[in-house]
Amino acid sequence: MRFELYRDASGHWRWRLRVQNGHVIADSGEGYARREDCEHGIALVKQSGTASTVDMTTKIA
């Protein structure tokens, strides 16, 4: 896997996460005016490896 940092057509910074087979499995979903903000978004995703998984299809009584 690798994170790709790039500029979109409007000049904003974006990232995408690409796997071995070339498919993109995640992206920034928004453009950032500053590269540093985009890099911060990548850092947050990297930290999410410790995030829990919540099944939102389960009803809570």
C-alpha atoms as a PDB file:
ATOM      1  CA  MET A   1       0.000   0.000   0.000  1.00  0.00           C
ATOM      2  CA  ARG A   2       1.048   3.562  -0.528  1.00  0.00           C
ATOM      3  CA  PHE A   3      -0.305   7.047   0.025  1.00  0.00           C
ATOM      4  CA  GLU A   4      -0.131   9.282  -3.038  1.00  0.00           C
ATOM      5  CA  LEU A   5      -0.051  13.035  -2.524  1.00  0.00           C
ATOM      6  CA  TYR A   6      -1.049  15.105  -5.560  1.00  0.00           C
ATOM      7  CA  ARG A   7      -2.685  18.299  -6.818  1.00  0.00           C
ATOM      8  CA  ASP A   8      -6.119  18.191  -8.419  1.00  0.00           C
ATOM      9  CA  ALA A   9      -7.259  20.170 -11.479  1.00  0.00           C
ATOM     10  CA  SER A  10      -8.083  23.208  -9.331  1.00  0.00           C
ATOM     11  CA  GLY A  11      -4.658  23.194  -7.652  1.00  0.00           C
ATOM     12  CA  HIS A  12      -5.754  21.782  -4.288  1.00  0.00           C
ATOM     13  CA  TRP A  13      -3.759  19.105  -2.462  1.00  0.00           C
ATOM     14  CA  ARG A  14      -5.308  15.632  -2.173  1.00  0.00           C
ATOM     15  CA  TRP A  15      -4.251  12.155  -1.118  1.00  0.00           C
ATOM     16  CA  ARG A  16      -5.296   8.663  -2.099  1.00  0.00           C
ATOM     17  CA  LEU A  17      -4.425   5.243  -0.704  1.00  0.00           C
ATOM     18  CA  ARG A  18      -3.543   2.736  -3.404  1.00  0.00           C
ATOM     19  CA  VAL A  19      -3.086  -1.034  -2.873  1.00  0.00           C
ATOM     20  CA  GLN A  20      -0.792  -3.498  -4.664  1.00  0.00           C
ATOM     21  CA  ASN A  21      -3.278  -4.247  -7.457  1.00  0.00           C
ATOM     22  CA  GLY A  22      -3.488  -0.541  -8.331  1.00  0.00           C
ATOM     23  CA  HIS A  23      -6.949   0.078  -6.906  1.00  0.00           C
ATOM     24  CA  VAL A  24      -7.642   3.150  -4.796  1.00  0.00           C
ATOM     25  CA  ILE A  25      -9.266   2.082  -1.523  1.00  0.00           C
ATOM     26  CA  ALA A  26      -9.487   5.511   0.158  1.00  0.00           C
ATOM     27  CA  ASP A  27      -9.049   9.172  -0.695  1.00  0.00           C
ATOM     28  CA  SER A  28      -9.116  12.554   0.981  1.00  0.00           C
ATOM     29  CA  GLY A  29     -12.638  13.336  -0.164  1.00  0.00           C
ATOM     30  CA  GLU A  30     -11.740  17.013  -0.208  1.00  0.00           C
ATOM     31  CA  GLY A  31      -8.990  19.249  -1.509  1.00  0.00           C
ATOM     32  CA  TYR A  32      -6.663  21.136   0.828  1.00  0.00           C
ATOM     33  CA  ALA A  33      -5.247  24.576   0.135  1.00  0.00           C
ATOM     34  CA  ARG A  34      -2.050  23.741   2.044  1.00  0.00           C
ATOM     35  CA  ARG A  35       0.144  20.685   1.574  1.00  0.00           C
ATOM     36  CA  GLU A  36       0.705  20.514   5.331  1.00  0.00           C
ATOM     37  CA  ASP A  37      -3.039  20.113   5.929  1.00  0.00           C
ATOM     38  CA  CYS A  38      -3.173  17.280   3.400  1.00  0.00           C
ATOM     39  CA  GLU A  39      -0.216  15.566   5.073  1.00  0.00           C
ATOM     40  CA  HIS A  40      -2.017  15.925   8.404  1.00  0.00           C
ATOM     41  CA  GLY A  41      -5.018  14.127   6.892  1.00  0.00           C
ATOM     42  CA  ILE A  42      -2.731  11.256   5.860  1.00  0.00           C
ATOM     43  CA  ALA A  43      -1.312  11.115   9.401  1.00  0.00           C
ATOM     44  CA  LEU A  44      -4.834  10.852  10.848  1.00  0.00           C
ATOM     45  CA  VAL A  45      -5.646   7.915   8.575  1.00  0.00           C
ATOM     46  CA  LYS A  46      -2.407   6.197   9.549  1.00  0.00           C
ATOM     47  CA  GLN A  47      -3.377   6.564  13.218  1.00  0.00           C
ATOM     48  CA  SER A  48      -6.794   5.064  12.541  1.00  0.00           C
ATOM     49  CA  GLY A  49      -5.243   1.609  12.670  1.00  0.00           C
ATOM     50  CA  THR A  50      -6.109   1.741  16.359  1.00  0.00           C
ATOM     51  CA  ALA A  51      -9.739   2.753  15.752  1.00  0.00           C
ATOM     52  CA  SER A  52     -12.535   0.434  16.771  1.00  0.00           C
ATOM     53  CA  THR A  53     -15.138  -0.941  14.377  1.00  0.00           C
ATOM     54  CA  VAL A  54     -18.801  -0.225  15.089  1.00  0.00           C
ATOM     55  CA  ASP A  55     -21.605  -2.145  13.370  1.00  0.00           C
ATOM     56  CA  MET A  56     -24.094   0.609  12.536  1.00  0.00           C
ATOM     57  CA  THR A  57     -26.683  -1.941  11.365  1.00  0.00           C
ATOM     58  CA  THR A  58     -27.256  -3.191  14.904  1.00  0.00           C
ATOM     59  CA  LYS A  59     -30.241  -1.627  16.644  1.00  0.00           C
ATOM     60  CA  ILE A  60     -29.694  -0.195  20.076  1.00  0.00           C
ATOM     61  CA  ALA A  61     -32.730  -0.594  22.334  1.00  0.00           C
END
